Amino acid sequence: MKSFTRKQTVVVGFSVVWLLASGWALKKIVDYKMTAGQRAVPPIRWPSGTLIPPPTRQATLVMFVHPHCPCTRATVSELARLVEALHGKLSAYVLFIQPEPFTKEWVESDLWTEVKRIPDVRAMIDRGGKQAELFKSYTSGQVFIYAPDGRLLFNGGITPSRGHEGDNLGIRRIMSLIRTGHADQAQSAVFGCALQDKETLYEHP
């Protein structure tokens, strides 16, 4: 059997190390994309003191967004498709967090512009995160659906993973709840950045 030369041995060794490192890096990326954000604990009835008018004749969707969360771009795209599919059956509001001491200009990011382009969706600024506190929302991309009588119908996210668009449980469950009043579950995982991570996410991009 032919033996390896020292050079060949070194090359093989480097190749093995590179493959192991690449596999580890890929695993870290996959783990990150599939790691859900902190689950919300919203009130089961529409809270008092909201900037948004309480639901009356149709269901109301409330989404909370960090203006500079890259993961939320996919959520906004999914929101556009959801609102179009449920046209006339849903009032939709997207609240952008504005922590102290950041300005309105900081809030009005490219995500803000994208949301403003979606027909029948209203973008609003949540100064100091007070509205997020009312709804107990902690993750960018968090969605709540409340029925016309004020009952919580859905609590969760509308993407399959961080920054990824496509078929997902959140969208399917919301569609079923609005159209039929039933779904296999009334929640789903939320994939996004933390709304209140002041050490990193509130830095200027």
N, C-alpha and C. Protein backbone atom coordinates (compact mmCIF):
# COMPACT_ATOMS: atom_id res chain seq x y z
N MET A 1 0.85 -1.19 0.00
CA MET A 1 0.00 0.00 0.00
C MET A 1 0.88 1.24 0.00
N LYS A 2 0.53 2.19 -0.87
CA LYS A 2 1.33 3.40 -0.98
C LYS A 2 1.12 4.29 0.23
N SER A 3 2.22 4.74 0.85
CA SER A 3 2.12 5.59 2.02
C SER A 3 2.03 7.06 1.61
N PHE A 4 1.44 7.88 2.49
CA PHE A 4 1.34 9.31 2.22
C PHE A 4 2.69 9.98 2.46
N THR A 5 2.99 10.97 1.64
CA THR A 5 4.16 11.80 1.90
C THR A 5 3.79 12.80 2.98
N ARG A 6 4.79 13.48 3.54
CA ARG A 6 4.53 14.48 4.58
C ARG A 6 3.62 15.58 4.04
N LYS A 7 3.86 16.00 2.79
CA LYS A 7 3.06 17.07 2.18
C LYS A 7 1.61 16.64 2.05
N GLN A 8 1.41 15.38 1.60
CA GLN A 8 0.05 14.88 1.44
C GLN A 8 -0.66 14.79 2.79
N THR A 9 0.10 14.37 3.80
CA THR A 9 -0.48 14.27 5.14
C THR A 9 -0.93 15.63 5.64
N VAL A 10 -0.11 16.64 5.40
CA VAL A 10 -0.46 18.01 5.82
C VAL A 10 -1.71 18.49 5.09
N VAL A 11 -1.76 18.23 3.79
CA VAL A 11 -2.92 18.65 3.00
C VAL A 11 -4.19 17.98 3.51
N VAL A 12 -4.10 16.65 3.75
CA VAL A 12 -5.25 15.93 4.27
C VAL A 12 -5.67 16.48 5.63
N GLY A 13 -4.69 16.77 6.48
CA GLY A 13 -4.99 17.31 7.80
C GLY A 13 -5.71 18.64 7.73
N PHE A 14 -5.19 19.54 6.86
CA PHE A 14 -5.84 20.83 6.68
C PHE A 14 -7.26 20.68 6.13
N SER A 15 -7.43 19.71 5.22
CA SER A 15 -8.75 19.48 4.63
C SER A 15 -9.76 19.03 5.68
N VAL A 16 -9.31 18.13 6.56
CA VAL A 16 -10.18 17.64 7.62
C VAL A 16 -10.57 18.77 8.56
N VAL A 17 -9.58 19.58 8.95
CA VAL A 17 -9.84 20.71 9.84
C VAL A 17 -10.82 21.69 9.19
N TRP A 18 -10.61 21.98 7.88
CA TRP A 18 -11.48 22.91 7.17
C TRP A 18 -12.91 22.38 7.10
N LEU A 19 -13.07 21.08 6.84
CA LEU A 19 -14.40 20.50 6.78
C LEU A 19 -15.09 20.56 8.13
N LEU A 20 -14.34 20.27 9.19
CA LEU A 20 -14.93 20.33 10.53
C LEU A 20 -15.34 21.75 10.89
N ALA A 21 -14.48 22.72 10.56
CA ALA A 21 -14.79 24.12 10.86
C ALA A 21 -15.99 24.59 10.05
N SER A 22 -16.05 24.19 8.78
CA SER A 22 -17.17 24.58 7.93
C SER A 22 -18.48 23.98 8.44
N GLY A 23 -18.42 22.72 8.86
CA GLY A 23 -19.61 22.07 9.39
C GLY A 23 -20.08 22.73 10.67
N TRP A 24 -19.13 23.12 11.52
CA TRP A 24 -19.48 23.80 12.78
C TRP A 24 -20.12 25.15 12.49
N ALA A 25 -19.54 25.91 11.54
CA ALA A 25 -20.07 27.22 11.19
C ALA A 25 -21.47 27.10 10.60
N LEU A 26 -21.67 26.10 9.72
CA LEU A 26 -22.97 25.89 9.12
C LEU A 26 -24.01 25.55 10.17
N LYS A 27 -23.61 24.71 11.14
CA LYS A 27 -24.53 24.33 12.21
C LYS A 27 -24.93 25.56 13.03
N LYS A 28 -23.96 26.45 13.31
CA LYS A 28 -24.25 27.66 14.08
C LYS A 28 -25.24 28.54 13.33
N ILE A 29 -25.06 28.65 12.01
CA ILE A 29 -25.97 29.47 11.19
C ILE A 29 -27.38 28.89 11.21
N VAL A 30 -27.47 27.57 11.01
CA VAL A 30 -28.78 26.91 11.02
C VAL A 30 -29.45 27.04 12.38
N ASP A 31 -28.67 26.84 13.44
CA ASP A 31 -29.22 26.96 14.80
C ASP A 31 -29.76 28.36 15.04
N TYR A 32 -29.01 29.37 14.57
CA TYR A 32 -29.45 30.76 14.77
C TYR A 32 -30.75 31.02 14.03
N LYS A 33 -30.82 30.58 12.77
CA LYS A 33 -32.01 30.84 11.96
C LYS A 33 -33.25 30.15 12.53
N MET A 34 -33.05 29.03 13.22
CA MET A 34 -34.17 28.27 13.76
C MET A 34 -34.44 28.56 15.23
N THR A 35 -33.70 29.52 15.81
CA THR A 35 -33.92 29.87 17.21
C THR A 35 -34.99 30.94 17.32
N ALA A 36 -36.08 30.61 17.96
CA ALA A 36 -37.19 31.55 18.09
C ALA A 36 -36.88 32.61 19.13
N GLY A 37 -37.56 33.76 19.00
CA GLY A 37 -37.44 34.83 19.98
C GLY A 37 -38.29 34.55 21.20
N GLN A 38 -38.22 35.46 22.16
CA GLN A 38 -38.99 35.28 23.40
C GLN A 38 -40.48 35.33 23.11
N ARG A 39 -41.20 34.37 23.66
CA ARG A 39 -42.64 34.27 23.43
C ARG A 39 -43.39 35.39 24.18
N ALA A 40 -44.35 35.99 23.52
CA ALA A 40 -45.17 37.02 24.14
C ALA A 40 -46.19 36.38 25.09
N VAL A 41 -46.65 37.19 26.04
CA VAL A 41 -47.71 36.75 26.95
C VAL A 41 -48.79 37.83 26.93
N PRO A 42 -49.52 37.93 25.82
CA PRO A 42 -50.46 39.03 25.64
C PRO A 42 -51.72 38.88 26.48
N PRO A 43 -52.42 39.98 26.74
CA PRO A 43 -53.71 39.87 27.43
C PRO A 43 -54.71 39.12 26.56
N ILE A 44 -55.56 38.34 27.18
CA ILE A 44 -56.53 37.54 26.43
C ILE A 44 -57.69 38.40 25.93
N ARG A 45 -57.83 39.61 26.47
CA ARG A 45 -58.78 40.59 25.97
C ARG A 45 -58.02 41.84 25.55
N TRP A 46 -58.57 42.59 24.61
CA TRP A 46 -57.93 43.80 24.11
C TRP A 46 -57.58 44.72 25.28
N PRO A 47 -56.32 45.13 25.42
CA PRO A 47 -55.92 45.96 26.57
C PRO A 47 -56.42 47.40 26.43
N SER A 48 -56.60 48.05 27.56
CA SER A 48 -56.98 49.46 27.55
C SER A 48 -55.74 50.33 27.40
N GLY A 49 -55.92 51.55 26.91
CA GLY A 49 -54.80 52.49 26.78
C GLY A 49 -53.99 52.32 25.52
N THR A 50 -54.54 51.69 24.49
CA THR A 50 -53.79 51.47 23.25
C THR A 50 -53.94 52.67 22.30
N LEU A 51 -52.91 52.87 21.47
CA LEU A 51 -52.99 53.87 20.41
C LEU A 51 -53.93 53.41 19.31
N ILE A 52 -54.07 52.12 19.18
CA ILE A 52 -54.89 51.52 18.13
C ILE A 52 -56.34 51.44 18.61
N PRO A 53 -57.29 51.81 17.78
CA PRO A 53 -58.69 51.66 18.18
C PRO A 53 -59.04 50.19 18.38
N PRO A 54 -59.81 49.87 19.40
CA PRO A 54 -60.20 48.47 19.64
C PRO A 54 -60.98 47.90 18.46
N PRO A 55 -60.87 46.60 18.23
CA PRO A 55 -61.63 45.98 17.13
C PRO A 55 -63.13 46.10 17.37
N THR A 56 -63.85 46.26 16.29
CA THR A 56 -65.31 46.36 16.38
C THR A 56 -65.99 45.45 15.36
N ARG A 57 -65.87 45.80 14.07
CA ARG A 57 -66.60 45.06 13.04
C ARG A 57 -65.79 43.93 12.40
N GLN A 58 -64.46 43.96 12.55
CA GLN A 58 -63.64 42.89 11.99
C GLN A 58 -62.42 42.67 12.87
N ALA A 59 -61.72 41.59 12.61
CA ALA A 59 -60.54 41.26 13.41
C ALA A 59 -59.44 42.31 13.20
N THR A 60 -58.61 42.47 14.21
CA THR A 60 -57.51 43.43 14.16
C THR A 60 -56.17 42.72 14.34
N LEU A 61 -55.25 43.00 13.42
CA LEU A 61 -53.88 42.48 13.51
C LEU A 61 -52.97 43.56 14.05
N VAL A 62 -52.15 43.21 15.02
CA VAL A 62 -51.14 44.11 15.58
C VAL A 62 -49.79 43.44 15.47
N MET A 63 -48.83 44.12 14.84
CA MET A 63 -47.47 43.60 14.74
C MET A 63 -46.50 44.60 15.36
N PHE A 64 -45.50 44.08 16.08
CA PHE A 64 -44.45 44.92 16.64
C PHE A 64 -43.14 44.68 15.91
N VAL A 65 -42.44 45.79 15.61
CA VAL A 65 -41.25 45.71 14.77
C VAL A 65 -40.11 46.55 15.35
N HIS A 66 -38.91 45.99 15.33
CA HIS A 66 -37.70 46.78 15.57
C HIS A 66 -37.30 47.36 14.21
N PRO A 67 -37.12 48.68 14.09
CA PRO A 67 -36.90 49.30 12.78
C PRO A 67 -35.67 48.80 12.02
N HIS A 68 -34.71 48.20 12.73
CA HIS A 68 -33.46 47.79 12.08
C HIS A 68 -33.17 46.30 12.23
N CYS A 69 -34.22 45.51 12.45
CA CYS A 69 -34.04 44.06 12.56
C CYS A 69 -34.02 43.44 11.16
N PRO A 70 -32.90 42.85 10.73
CA PRO A 70 -32.84 42.27 9.38
C PRO A 70 -33.78 41.07 9.21
N CYS A 71 -34.06 40.37 10.29
CA CYS A 71 -34.95 39.20 10.22
C CYS A 71 -36.38 39.60 9.85
N THR A 72 -36.75 40.83 10.17
CA THR A 72 -38.14 41.25 10.03
C THR A 72 -38.52 41.59 8.59
N ARG A 73 -37.54 41.71 7.73
CA ARG A 73 -37.84 42.00 6.33
C ARG A 73 -38.74 40.90 5.74
N ALA A 74 -38.42 39.65 6.06
CA ALA A 74 -39.24 38.53 5.58
C ALA A 74 -40.64 38.58 6.19
N THR A 75 -40.73 38.99 7.45
CA THR A 75 -42.03 39.09 8.11
C THR A 75 -42.92 40.12 7.42
N VAL A 76 -42.32 41.24 7.03
CA VAL A 76 -43.08 42.29 6.34
C VAL A 76 -43.60 41.78 4.99
N SER A 77 -42.79 41.02 4.29
CA SER A 77 -43.22 40.44 3.01
C SER A 77 -44.39 39.48 3.22
N GLU A 78 -44.31 38.66 4.27
CA GLU A 78 -45.39 37.74 4.57
C GLU A 78 -46.65 38.49 4.98
N LEU A 79 -46.48 39.60 5.70
CA LEU A 79 -47.62 40.41 6.10
C LEU A 79 -48.36 40.95 4.87
N ALA A 80 -47.61 41.41 3.89
CA ALA A 80 -48.23 41.93 2.67
C ALA A 80 -49.09 40.87 2.00
N ARG A 81 -48.57 39.64 1.93
CA ARG A 81 -49.33 38.56 1.30
C ARG A 81 -50.57 38.19 2.13
N LEU A 82 -50.41 38.21 3.46
CA LEU A 82 -51.53 37.86 4.33
C LEU A 82 -52.65 38.88 4.20
N VAL A 83 -52.32 40.16 4.25
CA VAL A 83 -53.33 41.21 4.16
C VAL A 83 -54.05 41.17 2.81
N GLU A 84 -53.30 40.90 1.76
CA GLU A 84 -53.92 40.80 0.44
C GLU A 84 -54.90 39.63 0.38
N ALA A 85 -54.50 38.49 0.96
CA ALA A 85 -55.36 37.30 0.94
C ALA A 85 -56.62 37.49 1.77
N LEU A 86 -56.52 38.31 2.83
CA LEU A 86 -57.67 38.53 3.73
C LEU A 86 -58.26 39.92 3.55
N HIS A 87 -58.17 40.44 2.36
CA HIS A 87 -58.65 41.79 2.07
C HIS A 87 -60.10 41.98 2.53
N GLY A 88 -60.30 43.04 3.32
CA GLY A 88 -61.64 43.34 3.81
C GLY A 88 -62.05 42.60 5.06
N LYS A 89 -61.20 41.69 5.54
CA LYS A 89 -61.54 40.90 6.72
C LYS A 89 -60.65 41.21 7.92
N LEU A 90 -59.74 42.18 7.75
CA LEU A 90 -58.71 42.39 8.77
C LEU A 90 -58.28 43.85 8.78
N SER A 91 -58.22 44.44 9.96
CA SER A 91 -57.57 45.74 10.14
C SER A 91 -56.15 45.47 10.63
N ALA A 92 -55.16 46.08 9.99
CA ALA A 92 -53.76 45.75 10.31
C ALA A 92 -52.96 46.98 10.71
N TYR A 93 -52.22 46.85 11.80
CA TYR A 93 -51.37 47.93 12.33
C TYR A 93 -49.98 47.37 12.63
N VAL A 94 -48.95 48.12 12.25
CA VAL A 94 -47.58 47.74 12.55
C VAL A 94 -46.96 48.84 13.40
N LEU A 95 -46.54 48.49 14.60
CA LEU A 95 -45.98 49.46 15.53
C LEU A 95 -44.46 49.31 15.58
N PHE A 96 -43.76 50.39 15.28
CA PHE A 96 -42.31 50.43 15.28
C PHE A 96 -41.81 51.01 16.60
N ILE A 97 -40.94 50.26 17.24
CA ILE A 97 -40.39 50.68 18.53
C ILE A 97 -39.48 51.91 18.36
N GLN A 98 -39.70 52.92 19.20
CA GLN A 98 -38.80 54.08 19.26
C GLN A 98 -38.34 54.26 20.71
N PRO A 99 -37.22 53.64 21.07
CA PRO A 99 -36.71 53.77 22.44
C PRO A 99 -36.09 55.15 22.66
N GLU A 100 -36.05 55.58 23.91
CA GLU A 100 -35.34 56.81 24.25
C GLU A 100 -33.85 56.57 24.09
N PRO A 101 -33.07 57.51 23.55
CA PRO A 101 -33.44 58.85 23.09
C PRO A 101 -33.49 58.93 21.56
N PHE A 102 -33.82 57.86 20.88
CA PHE A 102 -33.75 57.84 19.43
C PHE A 102 -34.86 58.66 18.79
N THR A 103 -34.59 59.12 17.57
CA THR A 103 -35.46 60.06 16.89
C THR A 103 -36.43 59.36 15.94
N LYS A 104 -37.36 60.14 15.43
CA LYS A 104 -38.31 59.64 14.44
C LYS A 104 -37.58 59.18 13.18
N GLU A 105 -36.52 59.88 12.82
CA GLU A 105 -35.74 59.51 11.63
C GLU A 105 -35.11 58.13 11.79
N TRP A 106 -34.71 57.79 12.99
CA TRP A 106 -34.14 56.46 13.26
C TRP A 106 -35.20 55.37 13.07
N VAL A 107 -36.43 55.69 13.45
CA VAL A 107 -37.52 54.73 13.32
C VAL A 107 -37.89 54.51 11.85
N GLU A 108 -37.87 55.59 11.06
CA GLU A 108 -38.34 55.51 9.68
C GLU A 108 -37.27 54.92 8.77
N SER A 109 -36.98 53.67 8.99
CA SER A 109 -35.98 52.91 8.24
C SER A 109 -36.57 52.38 6.94
N ASP A 110 -35.80 51.55 6.24
CA ASP A 110 -36.32 50.93 5.01
C ASP A 110 -37.49 49.99 5.33
N LEU A 111 -37.49 49.39 6.52
CA LEU A 111 -38.63 48.55 6.92
C LEU A 111 -39.90 49.40 7.05
N TRP A 112 -39.75 50.58 7.62
CA TRP A 112 -40.88 51.51 7.73
C TRP A 112 -41.44 51.83 6.35
N THR A 113 -40.54 52.10 5.41
CA THR A 113 -40.95 52.42 4.04
C THR A 113 -41.70 51.25 3.41
N GLU A 114 -41.20 50.03 3.63
CA GLU A 114 -41.85 48.84 3.06
C GLU A 114 -43.25 48.65 3.63
N VAL A 115 -43.40 48.84 4.93
CA VAL A 115 -44.72 48.69 5.55
C VAL A 115 -45.68 49.76 5.03
N LYS A 116 -45.20 50.99 4.88
CA LYS A 116 -46.05 52.07 4.39
C LYS A 116 -46.57 51.81 2.98
N ARG A 117 -45.87 50.97 2.24
CA ARG A 117 -46.29 50.65 0.87
C ARG A 117 -47.38 49.59 0.81
N ILE A 118 -47.63 48.89 1.92
CA ILE A 118 -48.62 47.82 1.91
C ILE A 118 -50.02 48.42 2.02
N PRO A 119 -50.88 48.19 1.05
CA PRO A 119 -52.25 48.72 1.14
C PRO A 119 -52.97 48.18 2.37
N ASP A 120 -53.77 49.05 2.99
CA ASP A 120 -54.62 48.67 4.12
C ASP A 120 -53.84 48.33 5.39
N VAL A 121 -52.57 48.73 5.46
CA VAL A 121 -51.78 48.54 6.68
C VAL A 121 -51.32 49.89 7.18
N ARG A 122 -51.50 50.16 8.44
CA ARG A 122 -51.09 51.44 9.01
C ARG A 122 -49.85 51.27 9.87
N ALA A 123 -48.80 52.03 9.56
CA ALA A 123 -47.57 52.03 10.35
C ALA A 123 -47.66 53.11 11.42
N MET A 124 -47.25 52.77 12.64
CA MET A 124 -47.31 53.71 13.76
C MET A 124 -46.02 53.62 14.56
N ILE A 125 -45.71 54.68 15.29
CA ILE A 125 -44.52 54.70 16.14
C ILE A 125 -44.92 54.43 17.59
N ASP A 126 -44.22 53.49 18.21
CA ASP A 126 -44.44 53.16 19.62
C ASP A 126 -43.34 53.81 20.45
N ARG A 127 -43.58 55.03 20.87
CA ARG A 127 -42.57 55.80 21.62
C ARG A 127 -42.34 55.20 23.00
N GLY A 128 -41.08 54.87 23.27
CA GLY A 128 -40.73 54.28 24.55
C GLY A 128 -41.16 52.83 24.71
N GLY A 129 -41.71 52.24 23.66
CA GLY A 129 -42.14 50.85 23.75
C GLY A 129 -43.33 50.62 24.65
N LYS A 130 -44.12 51.68 24.91
CA LYS A 130 -45.25 51.55 25.83
C LYS A 130 -46.33 50.60 25.31
N GLN A 131 -46.57 50.64 24.00
CA GLN A 131 -47.58 49.74 23.44
C GLN A 131 -47.12 48.29 23.48
N ALA A 132 -45.83 48.08 23.24
CA ALA A 132 -45.28 46.72 23.34
C ALA A 132 -45.44 46.18 24.75
N GLU A 133 -45.30 47.06 25.74
CA GLU A 133 -45.49 46.64 27.13
C GLU A 133 -46.95 46.24 27.39
N LEU A 134 -47.88 46.99 26.81
CA LEU A 134 -49.30 46.67 27.00
C LEU A 134 -49.63 45.28 26.47
N PHE A 135 -49.03 44.96 25.31
CA PHE A 135 -49.31 43.67 24.67
C PHE A 135 -48.33 42.57 25.10
N LYS A 136 -47.37 42.92 25.95
CA LYS A 136 -46.36 41.96 26.41
C LYS A 136 -45.62 41.34 25.23
N SER A 137 -45.15 42.21 24.34
CA SER A 137 -44.43 41.78 23.13
C SER A 137 -42.95 42.02 23.31
N TYR A 138 -42.12 41.03 22.95
CA TYR A 138 -40.69 41.10 23.19
C TYR A 138 -39.83 40.90 21.94
N THR A 139 -40.42 40.44 20.85
CA THR A 139 -39.64 40.05 19.68
C THR A 139 -40.14 40.77 18.43
N SER A 140 -39.22 41.26 17.61
CA SER A 140 -39.60 41.91 16.36
C SER A 140 -40.26 40.90 15.42
N GLY A 141 -41.41 41.31 14.87
CA GLY A 141 -42.18 40.40 14.02
C GLY A 141 -43.32 39.72 14.74
N GLN A 142 -43.47 40.04 16.04
CA GLN A 142 -44.56 39.46 16.82
C GLN A 142 -45.91 39.94 16.29
N VAL A 143 -46.83 39.01 16.09
CA VAL A 143 -48.15 39.31 15.57
C VAL A 143 -49.22 38.86 16.57
N PHE A 144 -50.22 39.72 16.75
CA PHE A 144 -51.41 39.36 17.52
C PHE A 144 -52.63 39.57 16.65
N ILE A 145 -53.61 38.70 16.78
CA ILE A 145 -54.90 38.88 16.13
C ILE A 145 -55.97 38.89 17.22
N TYR A 146 -56.78 39.95 17.21
CA TYR A 146 -57.89 40.04 18.15
C TYR A 146 -59.21 40.03 17.38
N ALA A 147 -60.18 39.31 17.92
CA ALA A 147 -61.50 39.20 17.29
C ALA A 147 -62.28 40.50 17.45
N PRO A 148 -63.35 40.69 16.68
CA PRO A 148 -64.17 41.90 16.81
C PRO A 148 -64.70 42.14 18.23
N ASP A 149 -64.89 41.07 19.01
CA ASP A 149 -65.38 41.23 20.38
C ASP A 149 -64.25 41.43 21.38
N GLY A 150 -62.98 41.56 20.88
CA GLY A 150 -61.86 41.85 21.76
C GLY A 150 -61.10 40.64 22.26
N ARG A 151 -61.52 39.44 21.87
CA ARG A 151 -60.83 38.22 22.32
C ARG A 151 -59.54 38.01 21.53
N LEU A 152 -58.49 37.54 22.22
CA LEU A 152 -57.25 37.17 21.54
C LEU A 152 -57.48 35.91 20.73
N LEU A 153 -57.19 35.98 19.42
CA LEU A 153 -57.35 34.82 18.55
C LEU A 153 -56.02 34.13 18.24
N PHE A 154 -54.96 34.94 18.11
CA PHE A 154 -53.68 34.38 17.67
C PHE A 154 -52.54 35.18 18.28
N ASN A 155 -51.45 34.44 18.58
CA ASN A 155 -50.25 35.03 19.17
C ASN A 155 -49.04 34.32 18.58
N GLY A 156 -48.24 35.00 17.74
CA GLY A 156 -47.08 34.31 17.19
C GLY A 156 -46.43 35.04 16.03
N GLY A 157 -45.63 34.28 15.25
CA GLY A 157 -44.91 34.82 14.12
C GLY A 157 -45.45 34.31 12.80
N ILE A 158 -45.00 34.92 11.69
CA ILE A 158 -45.52 34.54 10.37
C ILE A 158 -44.40 34.25 9.39
N THR A 159 -43.26 33.74 9.89
CA THR A 159 -42.19 33.24 9.03
C THR A 159 -41.76 31.87 9.52
N PRO A 160 -41.17 31.04 8.63
CA PRO A 160 -40.76 29.69 9.05
C PRO A 160 -39.45 29.68 9.84
N SER A 161 -38.65 30.75 9.72
CA SER A 161 -37.39 30.87 10.45
C SER A 161 -36.92 32.31 10.33
N ARG A 162 -35.77 32.62 10.91
CA ARG A 162 -35.26 34.00 10.86
C ARG A 162 -34.92 34.41 9.42
N GLY A 163 -35.56 35.49 8.96
CA GLY A 163 -35.24 36.05 7.67
C GLY A 163 -35.68 35.24 6.47
N HIS A 164 -36.52 34.22 6.68
CA HIS A 164 -36.95 33.36 5.58
C HIS A 164 -38.44 33.52 5.31
N GLU A 165 -38.79 33.65 4.04
CA GLU A 165 -40.17 33.70 3.62
C GLU A 165 -40.62 32.29 3.22
N GLY A 166 -41.94 32.14 3.03
CA GLY A 166 -42.45 30.86 2.58
C GLY A 166 -43.53 30.30 3.47
N ASP A 167 -44.06 29.17 3.08
CA ASP A 167 -45.14 28.52 3.82
C ASP A 167 -44.77 28.36 5.28
N ASN A 168 -45.69 28.74 6.17
CA ASN A 168 -45.38 28.62 7.60
C ASN A 168 -46.67 28.46 8.40
N LEU A 169 -46.53 27.93 9.61
CA LEU A 169 -47.68 27.64 10.46
C LEU A 169 -48.45 28.88 10.85
N GLY A 170 -47.74 29.98 11.11
CA GLY A 170 -48.41 31.21 11.55
C GLY A 170 -49.42 31.70 10.52
N ILE A 171 -48.98 31.82 9.28
CA ILE A 171 -49.88 32.28 8.21
C ILE A 171 -51.06 31.33 8.06
N ARG A 172 -50.78 30.03 8.03
CA ARG A 172 -51.85 29.05 7.84
C ARG A 172 -52.89 29.13 8.97
N ARG A 173 -52.41 29.30 10.19
CA ARG A 173 -53.32 29.35 11.33
C ARG A 173 -54.15 30.63 11.33
N ILE A 174 -53.54 31.75 10.99
CA ILE A 174 -54.29 33.00 10.92
C ILE A 174 -55.37 32.92 9.84
N MET A 175 -55.00 32.42 8.67
CA MET A 175 -55.95 32.29 7.57
C MET A 175 -57.15 31.43 8.00
N SER A 176 -56.86 30.33 8.67
CA SER A 176 -57.93 29.43 9.10
C SER A 176 -58.81 30.09 10.17
N LEU A 177 -58.18 30.77 11.11
CA LEU A 177 -58.95 31.42 12.18
C LEU A 177 -59.87 32.50 11.63
N ILE A 178 -59.38 33.30 10.69
CA ILE A 178 -60.18 34.38 10.14
C ILE A 178 -61.29 33.84 9.24
N ARG A 179 -60.98 32.83 8.46
CA ARG A 179 -61.95 32.31 7.48
C ARG A 179 -62.96 31.33 8.08
N THR A 180 -62.52 30.53 9.06
CA THR A 180 -63.40 29.49 9.59
C THR A 180 -63.66 29.60 11.09
N GLY A 181 -62.83 30.38 11.78
CA GLY A 181 -62.96 30.48 13.23
C GLY A 181 -62.24 29.39 13.99
N HIS A 182 -61.52 28.53 13.25
CA HIS A 182 -60.82 27.41 13.89
C HIS A 182 -59.42 27.25 13.31
N ALA A 183 -58.52 26.65 14.11
CA ALA A 183 -57.17 26.29 13.68
C ALA A 183 -56.65 25.23 14.63
N ASP A 184 -55.62 24.49 14.18
CA ASP A 184 -55.09 23.44 15.04
C ASP A 184 -54.46 24.01 16.30
N GLN A 185 -53.89 25.24 16.19
CA GLN A 185 -53.35 25.95 17.34
C GLN A 185 -53.56 27.44 17.13
N ALA A 186 -53.48 28.22 18.19
CA ALA A 186 -53.68 29.66 18.10
C ALA A 186 -52.37 30.41 18.36
N GLN A 187 -51.24 29.75 18.12
CA GLN A 187 -49.95 30.41 18.32
C GLN A 187 -48.90 29.77 17.43
N SER A 188 -47.75 30.44 17.31
CA SER A 188 -46.61 29.91 16.55
C SER A 188 -45.35 30.61 17.04
N ALA A 189 -44.21 30.06 16.68
CA ALA A 189 -42.94 30.65 17.09
C ALA A 189 -42.68 31.96 16.34
N VAL A 190 -42.00 32.89 17.00
CA VAL A 190 -41.65 34.18 16.40
C VAL A 190 -40.14 34.22 16.18
N PHE A 191 -39.72 34.52 14.94
CA PHE A 191 -38.30 34.56 14.61
C PHE A 191 -37.91 36.00 14.30
N GLY A 192 -37.19 36.62 15.23
CA GLY A 192 -36.78 38.00 15.04
C GLY A 192 -35.86 38.48 16.15
N CYS A 193 -35.43 39.72 16.03
CA CYS A 193 -34.55 40.33 17.03
C CYS A 193 -35.35 40.76 18.26
N ALA A 194 -34.66 40.87 19.37
CA ALA A 194 -35.31 41.34 20.60
C ALA A 194 -35.67 42.81 20.46
N LEU A 195 -36.88 43.18 20.89
CA LEU A 195 -37.30 44.57 20.81
C LEU A 195 -36.56 45.46 21.81
N GLN A 196 -36.16 44.88 22.93
CA GLN A 196 -35.59 45.68 24.00
C GLN A 196 -34.10 45.43 24.26
N ASP A 197 -33.36 44.95 23.26
CA ASP A 197 -31.92 44.71 23.41
C ASP A 197 -31.17 46.01 23.17
N LYS A 198 -31.05 46.81 24.22
CA LYS A 198 -30.49 48.18 24.08
C LYS A 198 -29.00 48.18 23.83
N GLU A 199 -28.28 47.13 24.19
CA GLU A 199 -26.83 47.12 24.03
C GLU A 199 -26.39 46.96 22.58
N THR A 200 -27.20 46.27 21.76
CA THR A 200 -26.77 46.01 20.39
C THR A 200 -27.74 46.54 19.35
N LEU A 201 -29.01 46.20 19.47
CA LEU A 201 -29.96 46.52 18.42
C LEU A 201 -30.33 48.00 18.34
N TYR A 202 -30.09 48.73 19.38
CA TYR A 202 -30.45 50.15 19.34
C TYR A 202 -29.30 51.03 18.90
N GLU A 203 -28.20 50.43 18.47
CA GLU A 203 -27.12 51.20 17.88
C GLU A 203 -27.52 51.61 16.48
N HIS A 204 -27.01 52.73 16.02
CA HIS A 204 -27.30 53.14 14.65
C HIS A 204 -26.67 52.16 13.68
N PRO A 205 -27.38 51.76 12.60
CA PRO A 205 -26.85 50.79 11.64
C PRO A 205 -25.73 51.40 10.82
